[in-house]
Amino acid sequence: VLGCVDNFGARMAVNAACTEHGMPWMESGVSETAVSGHIQFIVPGRTACFACVPPLIVATGVDERTLKRDNVCAASLPTTMSLVAALLVQNALKYLLHF
């Protein structure tokens, strides 16, 4: 499963479904400021699930809806999203090809 949803609740739903069905999941995201992004490979039974290793901001108990800052564009830059997507696809292909 390749994931690129935009909120913690949706990520938790994908995590629950992948864990229940034993499906590997490559989670990805881009920061609100569009200056950073991440990918995370989760394999049920082999790696920690998303709920066990949430992003630091979530682990601190902060409500993600309160993170919106004034004068910050909520939309990410296309270049940042493209780079994160490229890394996500490259790692998916490496996994599928046993590379």
PDB file of N, CA and C in Angstrom:
ATOM      1  N   VAL A   1       0.858  -1.164   0.000  1.00  0.00           N
ATOM      2  CA  VAL A   1       0.000   0.000   0.000  1.00  0.00           C
ATOM      3  C   VAL A   1       0.904   1.226   0.000  1.00  0.00           C
ATOM      4  N   LEU A   2       0.659   2.149  -0.901  1.00  0.00           N
ATOM      5  CA  LEU A   2       1.379   3.420  -0.913  1.00  0.00           C
ATOM      6  C   LEU A   2       0.447   4.481  -0.354  1.00  0.00           C
ATOM      7  N   GLY A   3       0.890   5.153   0.678  1.00  0.00           N
ATOM      8  CA  GLY A   3       0.038   6.132   1.336  1.00  0.00           C
ATOM      9  C   GLY A   3       0.565   7.543   1.211  1.00  0.00           C
ATOM     10  N   CYS A   4      -0.349   8.455   1.003  1.00  0.00           N
ATOM     11  CA  CYS A   4       0.012   9.878   0.948  1.00  0.00           C
ATOM     12  C   CYS A   4      -1.185  10.713   1.384  1.00  0.00           C
ATOM     13  N   VAL A   5      -1.775  10.340   2.499  1.00  0.00           N
ATOM     14  CA  VAL A   5      -2.944  11.057   3.005  1.00  0.00           C
ATOM     15  C   VAL A   5      -2.493  12.295   3.775  1.00  0.00           C
ATOM     16  N   ASP A   6      -3.431  13.176   4.075  1.00  0.00           N
ATOM     17  CA  ASP A   6      -3.047  14.476   4.618  1.00  0.00           C
ATOM     18  C   ASP A   6      -3.359  14.699   6.090  1.00  0.00           C
ATOM     19  N   ASN A   7      -3.699  13.638   6.837  1.00  0.00           N
ATOM     20  CA  ASN A   7      -3.961  13.857   8.261  1.00  0.00           C
ATOM     21  C   ASN A   7      -3.718  12.579   9.060  1.00  0.00           C
ATOM     22  N   PHE A   8      -3.544  12.767  10.355  1.00  0.00           N
ATOM     23  CA  PHE A   8      -3.214  11.655  11.247  1.00  0.00           C
ATOM     24  C   PHE A   8      -4.328  10.619  11.317  1.00  0.00           C
ATOM     25  N   GLY A   9      -5.581  11.062  11.361  1.00  0.00           N
ATOM     26  CA  GLY A   9      -6.709  10.136  11.434  1.00  0.00           C
ATOM     27  C   GLY A   9      -6.747   9.181  10.259  1.00  0.00           C
ATOM     28  N   ALA A  10      -6.515   9.705   9.070  1.00  0.00           N
ATOM     29  CA  ALA A  10      -6.498   8.857   7.876  1.00  0.00           C
ATOM     30  C   ALA A  10      -5.324   7.884   7.913  1.00  0.00           C
ATOM     31  N   ARG A  11      -4.183   8.344   8.392  1.00  0.00           N
ATOM     32  CA  ARG A  11      -3.022   7.457   8.511  1.00  0.00           C
ATOM     33  C   ARG A  11      -3.306   6.322   9.498  1.00  0.00           C
ATOM     34  N   MET A  12      -3.990   6.630  10.584  1.00  0.00           N
ATOM     35  CA  MET A  12      -4.333   5.594  11.555  1.00  0.00           C
ATOM     36  C   MET A  12      -5.306   4.578  10.960  1.00  0.00           C
ATOM     37  N   ALA A  13      -6.230   5.022  10.102  1.00  0.00           N
ATOM     38  CA  ALA A  13      -7.167   4.099   9.443  1.00  0.00           C
ATOM     39  C   ALA A  13      -6.413   3.181   8.488  1.00  0.00           C
ATOM     40  N   VAL A  14      -5.473   3.741   7.709  1.00  0.00           N
ATOM     41  CA  VAL A  14      -4.664   2.921   6.798  1.00  0.00           C
ATOM     42  C   VAL A  14      -3.820   1.943   7.610  1.00  0.00           C
ATOM     43  N   ASN A  15      -3.238   2.414   8.708  1.00  0.00           N
ATOM     44  CA  ASN A  15      -2.438   1.559   9.578  1.00  0.00           C
ATOM     45  C   ASN A  15      -3.258   0.377  10.089  1.00  0.00           C
ATOM     46  N   ALA A  16      -4.469   0.647  10.554  1.00  0.00           N
ATOM     47  CA  ALA A  16      -5.326  -0.419  11.084  1.00  0.00           C
ATOM     48  C   ALA A  16      -5.649  -1.455  10.009  1.00  0.00           C
ATOM     49  N   ALA A  17      -5.982  -0.990   8.808  1.00  0.00           N
ATOM     50  CA  ALA A  17      -6.323  -1.908   7.716  1.00  0.00           C
ATOM     51  C   ALA A  17      -5.114  -2.742   7.296  1.00  0.00           C
ATOM     52  N   CYS A  18      -3.959  -2.098   7.166  1.00  0.00           N
ATOM     53  CA  CYS A  18      -2.756  -2.830   6.759  1.00  0.00           C
ATOM     54  C   CYS A  18      -2.319  -3.821   7.828  1.00  0.00           C
ATOM     55  N   THR A  19      -2.425  -3.429   9.080  1.00  0.00           N
ATOM     56  CA  THR A  19      -2.065  -4.334  10.174  1.00  0.00           C
ATOM     57  C   THR A  19      -3.003  -5.532  10.210  1.00  0.00           C
ATOM     58  N   GLU A  20      -4.292  -5.275  10.065  1.00  0.00           N
ATOM     59  CA  GLU A  20      -5.286  -6.356  10.091  1.00  0.00           C
ATOM     60  C   GLU A  20      -5.072  -7.362   8.963  1.00  0.00           C
ATOM     61  N   HIS A  21      -4.709  -6.874   7.777  1.00  0.00           N
ATOM     62  CA  HIS A  21      -4.560  -7.748   6.610  1.00  0.00           C
ATOM     63  C   HIS A  21      -3.114  -8.146   6.324  1.00  0.00           C
ATOM     64  N   GLY A  22      -2.181  -7.710   7.166  1.00  0.00           N
ATOM     65  CA  GLY A  22      -0.778  -8.082   6.980  1.00  0.00           C
ATOM     66  C   GLY A  22      -0.147  -7.499   5.732  1.00  0.00           C
ATOM     67  N   MET A  23      -0.601  -6.324   5.331  1.00  0.00           N
ATOM     68  CA  MET A  23      -0.114  -5.688   4.101  1.00  0.00           C
ATOM     69  C   MET A  23       0.995  -4.690   4.407  1.00  0.00           C
ATOM     70  N   PRO A  24       2.134  -4.771   3.697  1.00  0.00           N
ATOM     71  CA  PRO A  24       3.165  -3.742   3.854  1.00  0.00           C
ATOM     72  C   PRO A  24       2.616  -2.380   3.421  1.00  0.00           C
ATOM     73  N   TRP A  25       3.109  -1.334   4.068  1.00  0.00           N
ATOM     74  CA  TRP A  25       2.613   0.008   3.810  1.00  0.00           C
ATOM     75  C   TRP A  25       3.789   0.973   3.769  1.00  0.00           C
ATOM     76  N   MET A  26       3.863   1.755   2.718  1.00  0.00           N
ATOM     77  CA  MET A  26       4.841   2.833   2.628  1.00  0.00           C
ATOM     78  C   MET A  26       4.085   4.132   2.802  1.00  0.00           C
ATOM     79  N   GLU A  27       4.307   4.747   3.943  1.00  0.00           N
ATOM     80  CA  GLU A  27       3.628   5.985   4.304  1.00  0.00           C
ATOM     81  C   GLU A  27       4.503   7.159   3.900  1.00  0.00           C
ATOM     82  N   SER A  28       3.881   8.244   3.436  1.00  0.00           N
ATOM     83  CA  SER A  28       4.650   9.426   3.057  1.00  0.00           C
ATOM     84  C   SER A  28       3.891  10.684   3.427  1.00  0.00           C
ATOM     85  N   GLY A  29       4.622  11.770   3.486  1.00  0.00           N
ATOM     86  CA  GLY A  29       3.988  13.041   3.788  1.00  0.00           C
ATOM     87  C   GLY A  29       4.925  14.198   3.535  1.00  0.00           C
ATOM     88  N   VAL A  30       4.343  15.381   3.431  1.00  0.00           N
ATOM     89  CA  VAL A  30       5.093  16.615   3.225  1.00  0.00           C
ATOM     90  C   VAL A  30       4.646  17.602   4.296  1.00  0.00           C
ATOM     91  N   SER A  31       5.575  18.349   4.844  1.00  0.00           N
ATOM     92  CA  SER A  31       5.254  19.302   5.901  1.00  0.00           C
ATOM     93  C   SER A  31       4.399  20.449   5.377  1.00  0.00           C
ATOM     94  N   GLU A  32       3.726  21.112   6.289  1.00  0.00           N
ATOM     95  CA  GLU A  32       2.877  22.244   5.924  1.00  0.00           C
ATOM     96  C   GLU A  32       3.676  23.356   5.256  1.00  0.00           C
ATOM     97  N   THR A  33       4.922  23.532   5.655  1.00  0.00           N
ATOM     98  CA  THR A  33       5.753  24.589   5.074  1.00  0.00           C
ATOM     99  C   THR A  33       6.380  24.169   3.750  1.00  0.00           C
ATOM    100  N   ALA A  34       6.241  22.916   3.393  1.00  0.00           N
ATOM    101  CA  ALA A  34       6.752  22.353   2.136  1.00  0.00           C
ATOM    102  C   ALA A  34       8.270  22.326   2.056  1.00  0.00           C
ATOM    103  N   VAL A  35       8.947  22.440   3.177  1.00  0.00           N
ATOM    104  CA  VAL A  35      10.401  22.394   3.137  1.00  0.00           C
ATOM    105  C   VAL A  35      10.946  21.021   3.530  1.00  0.00           C
ATOM    106  N   SER A  36      10.070  20.108   3.917  1.00  0.00           N
ATOM    107  CA  SER A  36      10.528  18.772   4.272  1.00  0.00           C
ATOM    108  C   SER A  36       9.426  17.749   3.999  1.00  0.00           C
ATOM    109  N   GLY A  37       9.849  16.507   3.933  1.00  0.00           N
ATOM    110  CA  GLY A  37       8.910  15.412   3.738  1.00  0.00           C
ATOM    111  C   GLY A  37       9.506  14.142   4.316  1.00  0.00           C
ATOM    112  N   HIS A  38       8.738  13.057   4.260  1.00  0.00           N
ATOM    113  CA  HIS A  38       9.236  11.796   4.802  1.00  0.00           C
ATOM    114  C   HIS A  38       8.577  10.621   4.103  1.00  0.00           C
ATOM    115  N   ILE A  39       9.242   9.476   4.176  1.00  0.00           N
ATOM    116  CA  ILE A  39       8.626   8.198   3.826  1.00  0.00           C
ATOM    117  C   ILE A  39       8.955   7.238   4.971  1.00  0.00           C
ATOM    118  N   GLN A  40       8.065   6.297   5.197  1.00  0.00           N
ATOM    119  CA  GLN A  40       8.239   5.331   6.284  1.00  0.00           C
ATOM    120  C   GLN A  40       7.704   3.991   5.783  1.00  0.00           C
ATOM    121  N   PHE A  41       8.517   2.951   5.856  1.00  0.00           N
ATOM    122  CA  PHE A  41       8.117   1.620   5.406  1.00  0.00           C
ATOM    123  C   PHE A  41       7.687   0.807   6.616  1.00  0.00           C
ATOM    124  N   ILE A  42       6.453   0.319   6.582  1.00  0.00           N
ATOM    125  CA  ILE A  42       5.880  -0.424   7.706  1.00  0.00           C
ATOM    126  C   ILE A  42       5.480  -1.816   7.219  1.00  0.00           C
ATOM    127  N   VAL A  43       6.013  -2.838   7.877  1.00  0.00           N
ATOM    128  CA  VAL A  43       5.684  -4.225   7.542  1.00  0.00           C
ATOM    129  C   VAL A  43       5.108  -4.872   8.799  1.00  0.00           C
ATOM    130  N   PRO A  44       3.797  -5.149   8.808  1.00  0.00           N
ATOM    131  CA  PRO A  44       3.180  -5.746  10.000  1.00  0.00           C
ATOM    132  C   PRO A  44       3.896  -7.032  10.428  1.00  0.00           C
ATOM    133  N   GLY A  45       4.184  -7.129  11.718  1.00  0.00           N
ATOM    134  CA  GLY A  45       4.861  -8.303  12.248  1.00  0.00           C
ATOM    135  C   GLY A  45       6.371  -8.246  12.128  1.00  0.00           C
ATOM    136  N   ARG A  46       6.881  -7.283  11.369  1.00  0.00           N
ATOM    137  CA  ARG A  46       8.331  -7.170  11.187  1.00  0.00           C
ATOM    138  C   ARG A  46       8.885  -5.831  11.675  1.00  0.00           C
ATOM    139  N   THR A  47       8.108  -4.770  11.501  1.00  0.00           N
ATOM    140  CA  THR A  47       8.508  -3.443  11.964  1.00  0.00           C
ATOM    141  C   THR A  47       7.413  -2.904  12.879  1.00  0.00           C
ATOM    142  N   ALA A  48       7.722  -1.848  13.569  1.00  0.00           N
ATOM    143  CA  ALA A  48       6.703  -1.200  14.401  1.00  0.00           C
ATOM    144  C   ALA A  48       5.611  -0.623  13.505  1.00  0.00           C
ATOM    145  N   CYS A  49       4.379  -0.666  13.976  1.00  0.00           N
ATOM    146  CA  CYS A  49       3.293  -0.081  13.192  1.00  0.00           C
ATOM    147  C   CYS A  49       3.274   1.434  13.379  1.00  0.00           C
ATOM    148  N   PHE A  50       2.487   2.126  12.583  1.00  0.00           N
ATOM    149  CA  PHE A  50       2.431   3.589  12.634  1.00  0.00           C
ATOM    150  C   PHE A  50       1.968   4.081  14.004  1.00  0.00           C
ATOM    151  N   ALA A  51       1.040   3.372  14.618  1.00  0.00           N
ATOM    152  CA  ALA A  51       0.540   3.782  15.937  1.00  0.00           C
ATOM    153  C   ALA A  51       1.628   3.668  17.006  1.00  0.00           C
ATOM    154  N   CYS A  52       2.575   2.757  16.799  1.00  0.00           N
ATOM    155  CA  CYS A  52       3.654   2.560  17.773  1.00  0.00           C
ATOM    156  C   CYS A  52       4.767   3.594  17.637  1.00  0.00           C
ATOM    157  N   VAL A  53       4.949   4.137  16.451  1.00  0.00           N
ATOM    158  CA  VAL A  53       5.997   5.138  16.213  1.00  0.00           C
ATOM    159  C   VAL A  53       5.413   6.319  15.435  1.00  0.00           C
ATOM    160  N   PRO A  54       4.497   7.052  16.065  1.00  0.00           N
ATOM    161  CA  PRO A  54       3.877   8.182  15.371  1.00  0.00           C
ATOM    162  C   PRO A  54       4.859   9.342  15.229  1.00  0.00           C
ATOM    163  N   PRO A  55       4.534  10.313  14.389  1.00  0.00           N
ATOM    164  CA  PRO A  55       5.381  11.504  14.294  1.00  0.00           C
ATOM    165  C   PRO A  55       5.514  12.166  15.666  1.00  0.00           C
ATOM    166  N   LEU A  56       6.621  12.824  15.894  1.00  0.00           N
ATOM    167  CA  LEU A  56       6.900  13.431  17.194  1.00  0.00           C
ATOM    168  C   LEU A  56       5.788  14.373  17.641  1.00  0.00           C
ATOM    169  N   ILE A  57       5.268  15.168  16.743  1.00  0.00           N
ATOM    170  CA  ILE A  57       4.234  16.134  17.125  1.00  0.00           C
ATOM    171  C   ILE A  57       2.982  15.417  17.638  1.00  0.00           C
ATOM    172  N   VAL A  58       2.675  14.266  17.068  1.00  0.00           N
ATOM    173  CA  VAL A  58       1.515  13.488  17.514  1.00  0.00           C
ATOM    174  C   VAL A  58       1.820  12.820  18.852  1.00  0.00           C
ATOM    175  N   ALA A  59       3.032  12.314  18.978  1.00  0.00           N
ATOM    176  CA  ALA A  59       3.425  11.643  20.222  1.00  0.00           C
ATOM    177  C   ALA A  59       3.373  12.588  21.420  1.00  0.00           C
ATOM    178  N   THR A  60       3.529  13.883  21.174  1.00  0.00           N
ATOM    179  CA  THR A  60       3.484  14.848  22.270  1.00  0.00           C
ATOM    180  C   THR A  60       2.057  15.175  22.690  1.00  0.00           C
ATOM    181  N   GLY A  61       1.078  14.695  21.930  1.00  0.00           N
ATOM    182  CA  GLY A  61      -0.318  14.910  22.288  1.00  0.00           C
ATOM    183  C   GLY A  61      -0.921  16.192  21.749  1.00  0.00           C
ATOM    184  N   VAL A  62      -0.214  16.891  20.885  1.00  0.00           N
ATOM    185  CA  VAL A  62      -0.722  18.138  20.312  1.00  0.00           C
ATOM    186  C   VAL A  62      -1.775  17.813  19.249  1.00  0.00           C
ATOM    187  N   ASP A  63      -2.885  18.510  19.268  1.00  0.00           N
ATOM    188  CA  ASP A  63      -3.931  18.339  18.255  1.00  0.00           C
ATOM    189  C   ASP A  63      -3.437  18.935  16.943  1.00  0.00           C
ATOM    190  N   GLU A  64      -3.338  18.111  15.890  1.00  0.00           N
ATOM    191  CA  GLU A  64      -2.782  18.597  14.623  1.00  0.00           C
ATOM    192  C   GLU A  64      -3.583  19.744  14.026  1.00  0.00           C
ATOM    193  N   ARG A  65      -4.845  19.890  14.401  1.00  0.00           N
ATOM    194  CA  ARG A  65      -5.656  20.992  13.866  1.00  0.00           C
ATOM    195  C   ARG A  65      -5.209  22.340  14.425  1.00  0.00           C
ATOM    196  N   THR A  66      -4.438  22.322  15.509  1.00  0.00           N
ATOM    197  CA  THR A  66      -3.965  23.577  16.095  1.00  0.00           C
ATOM    198  C   THR A  66      -2.624  24.014  15.525  1.00  0.00           C
ATOM    199  N   LEU A  67      -2.074  23.241  14.608  1.00  0.00           N
ATOM    200  CA  LEU A  67      -0.736  23.537  14.091  1.00  0.00           C
ATOM    201  C   LEU A  67      -0.721  24.583  12.982  1.00  0.00           C
ATOM    202  N   LYS A  68      -1.870  24.937  12.461  1.00  0.00           N
ATOM    203  CA  LYS A  68      -1.924  25.932  11.380  1.00  0.00           C
ATOM    204  C   LYS A  68      -1.395  27.253  11.894  1.00  0.00           C
ATOM    205  N   ARG A  69      -0.421  27.794  11.180  1.00  0.00           N
ATOM    206  CA  ARG A  69       0.183  29.061  11.582  1.00  0.00           C
ATOM    207  C   ARG A  69      -0.209  30.162  10.601  1.00  0.00           C
ATOM    208  N   ASP A  70      -0.269  31.373  11.098  1.00  0.00           N
ATOM    209  CA  ASP A  70      -0.563  32.516  10.242  1.00  0.00           C
ATOM    210  C   ASP A  70       0.570  32.723   9.236  1.00  0.00           C
ATOM    211  N   ASN A  71       0.208  33.160   8.053  1.00  0.00           N
ATOM    212  CA  ASN A  71       1.161  33.481   6.986  1.00  0.00           C
ATOM    213  C   ASN A  71       1.956  32.275   6.488  1.00  0.00           C
ATOM    214  N   VAL A  72       1.432  31.082   6.676  1.00  0.00           N
ATOM    215  CA  VAL A  72       2.069  29.877   6.152  1.00  0.00           C
ATOM    216  C   VAL A  72       1.084  29.217   5.207  1.00  0.00           C
ATOM    217  N   CYS A  73       1.535  28.970   3.997  1.00  0.00           N
ATOM    218  CA  CYS A  73       0.673  28.335   3.002  1.00  0.00           C
ATOM    219  C   CYS A  73       0.476  26.873   3.363  1.00  0.00           C
ATOM    220  N   ALA A  74      -0.762  26.438   3.438  1.00  0.00           N
ATOM    221  CA  ALA A  74      -1.050  25.045   3.785  1.00  0.00           C
ATOM    222  C   ALA A  74      -0.762  24.101   2.618  1.00  0.00           C
ATOM    223  N   ALA A  75      -0.655  24.643   1.426  1.00  0.00           N
ATOM    224  CA  ALA A  75      -0.361  23.816   0.251  1.00  0.00           C
ATOM    225  C   ALA A  75       1.148  23.624   0.148  1.00  0.00           C
ATOM    226  N   SER A  76       1.567  22.432  -0.198  1.00  0.00           N
ATOM    227  CA  SER A  76       2.984  22.147  -0.341  1.00  0.00           C
ATOM    228  C   SER A  76       3.465  22.528  -1.732  1.00  0.00           C
ATOM    229  N   LEU A  77       4.750  22.740  -1.845  1.00  0.00           N
ATOM    230  CA  LEU A  77       5.333  23.053  -3.139  1.00  0.00           C
ATOM    231  C   LEU A  77       5.340  21.809  -4.015  1.00  0.00           C
ATOM    232  N   PRO A  78       5.017  21.960  -5.281  1.00  0.00           N
ATOM    233  CA  PRO A  78       5.010  20.789  -6.179  1.00  0.00           C
ATOM    234  C   PRO A  78       6.358  20.084  -6.235  1.00  0.00           C
ATOM    235  N   THR A  79       7.450  20.826  -6.131  1.00  0.00           N
ATOM    236  CA  THR A  79       8.757  20.173  -6.196  1.00  0.00           C
ATOM    237  C   THR A  79       8.993  19.277  -4.987  1.00  0.00           C
ATOM    238  N   THR A  80       8.612  19.723  -3.811  1.00  0.00           N
ATOM    239  CA  THR A  80       8.783  18.899  -2.608  1.00  0.00           C
ATOM    240  C   THR A  80       7.922  17.645  -2.710  1.00  0.00           C
ATOM    241  N   MET A  81       6.686  17.826  -3.126  1.00  0.00           N
ATOM    242  CA  MET A  81       5.795  16.668  -3.268  1.00  0.00           C
ATOM    243  C   MET A  81       6.326  15.700  -4.322  1.00  0.00           C
ATOM    244  N   SER A  82       6.871  16.210  -5.416  1.00  0.00           N
ATOM    245  CA  SER A  82       7.412  15.356  -6.469  1.00  0.00           C
ATOM    246  C   SER A  82       8.606  14.557  -5.971  1.00  0.00           C
ATOM    247  N   LEU A  83       9.473  15.185  -5.202  1.00  0.00           N
ATOM    248  CA  LEU A  83      10.638  14.474  -4.665  1.00  0.00           C
ATOM    249  C   LEU A  83      10.233  13.378  -3.690  1.00  0.00           C
ATOM    250  N   VAL A  84       9.308  13.681  -2.812  1.00  0.00           N
ATOM    251  CA  VAL A  84       8.839  12.668  -1.858  1.00  0.00           C
ATOM    252  C   VAL A  84       8.159  11.522  -2.613  1.00  0.00           C
ATOM    253  N   ALA A  85       7.342  11.851  -3.612  1.00  0.00           N
ATOM    254  CA  ALA A  85       6.673  10.815  -4.409  1.00  0.00           C
ATOM    255  C   ALA A  85       7.692   9.957  -5.153  1.00  0.00           C
ATOM    256  N   ALA A  86       8.730  10.577  -5.687  1.00  0.00           N
ATOM    257  CA  ALA A  86       9.762   9.822  -6.409  1.00  0.00           C
ATOM    258  C   ALA A  86      10.471   8.844  -5.475  1.00  0.00           C
ATOM    259  N   LEU A  87      10.807   9.298  -4.262  1.00  0.00           N
ATOM    260  CA  LEU A  87      11.443   8.405  -3.293  1.00  0.00           C
ATOM    261  C   LEU A  87      10.505   7.283  -2.865  1.00  0.00           C
ATOM    262  N   LEU A  88       9.240   7.604  -2.726  1.00  0.00           N
ATOM    263  CA  LEU A  88       8.248   6.594  -2.357  1.00  0.00           C
ATOM    264  C   LEU A  88       8.160   5.511  -3.426  1.00  0.00           C
ATOM    265  N   VAL A  89       8.048   5.915  -4.678  1.00  0.00           N
ATOM    266  CA  VAL A  89       7.942   4.955  -5.786  1.00  0.00           C
ATOM    267  C   VAL A  89       9.233   4.154  -5.931  1.00  0.00           C
ATOM    268  N   GLN A  90      10.382   4.818  -5.812  1.00  0.00           N
ATOM    269  CA  GLN A  90      11.657   4.101  -5.921  1.00  0.00           C
ATOM    270  C   GLN A  90      11.755   3.017  -4.858  1.00  0.00           C
ATOM    271  N   ASN A  91      11.381   3.333  -3.633  1.00  0.00           N
ATOM    272  CA  ASN A  91      11.447   2.337  -2.569  1.00  0.00           C
ATOM    273  C   ASN A  91      10.407   1.240  -2.734  1.00  0.00           C
ATOM    274  N   ALA A  92       9.250   1.560  -3.285  1.00  0.00           N
ATOM    275  CA  ALA A  92       8.245   0.536  -3.576  1.00  0.00           C
ATOM    276  C   ALA A  92       8.777  -0.437  -4.620  1.00  0.00           C
ATOM    277  N   LEU A  93       9.405   0.090  -5.671  1.00  0.00           N
ATOM    278  CA  LEU A  93       9.974  -0.778  -6.703  1.00  0.00           C
ATOM    279  C   LEU A  93      11.095  -1.646  -6.131  1.00  0.00           C
ATOM    280  N   LYS A  94      11.941  -1.069  -5.292  1.00  0.00           N
ATOM    281  CA  LYS A  94      13.003  -1.855  -4.666  1.00  0.00           C
ATOM    282  C   LYS A  94      12.424  -2.999  -3.844  1.00  0.00           C
ATOM    283  N   TYR A  95      11.343  -2.743  -3.129  1.00  0.00           N
ATOM    284  CA  TYR A  95      10.698  -3.784  -2.330  1.00  0.00           C
ATOM    285  C   TYR A  95      10.102  -4.868  -3.230  1.00  0.00           C
ATOM    286  N   LEU A  96       9.371  -4.443  -4.256  1.00  0.00           N
ATOM    287  CA  LEU A  96       8.709  -5.401  -5.148  1.00  0.00           C
ATOM    288  C   LEU A  96       9.704  -6.244  -5.951  1.00  0.00           C
ATOM    289  N   LEU A  97      10.858  -5.660  -6.286  1.00  0.00           N
ATOM    290  CA  LEU A  97      11.879  -6.370  -7.074  1.00  0.00           C
ATOM    291  C   LEU A  97      12.905  -7.067  -6.196  1.00  0.00           C
ATOM    292  N   HIS A  98      12.705  -7.022  -4.859  1.00  0.00           N
ATOM    293  CA  HIS A  98      13.641  -7.635  -3.898  1.00  0.00           C
ATOM    294  C   HIS A  98      15.052  -7.106  -4.109  1.00  0.00           C
ATOM    295  N   PHE A  99      15.169  -5.812  -4.300  1.00  0.00           N
ATOM    296  CA  PHE A  99      16.443  -5.163  -4.592  1.00  0.00           C
ATOM    297  C   PHE A  99      17.148  -4.730  -3.336  1.00  0.00           C
TER     298      PHE A  99
END
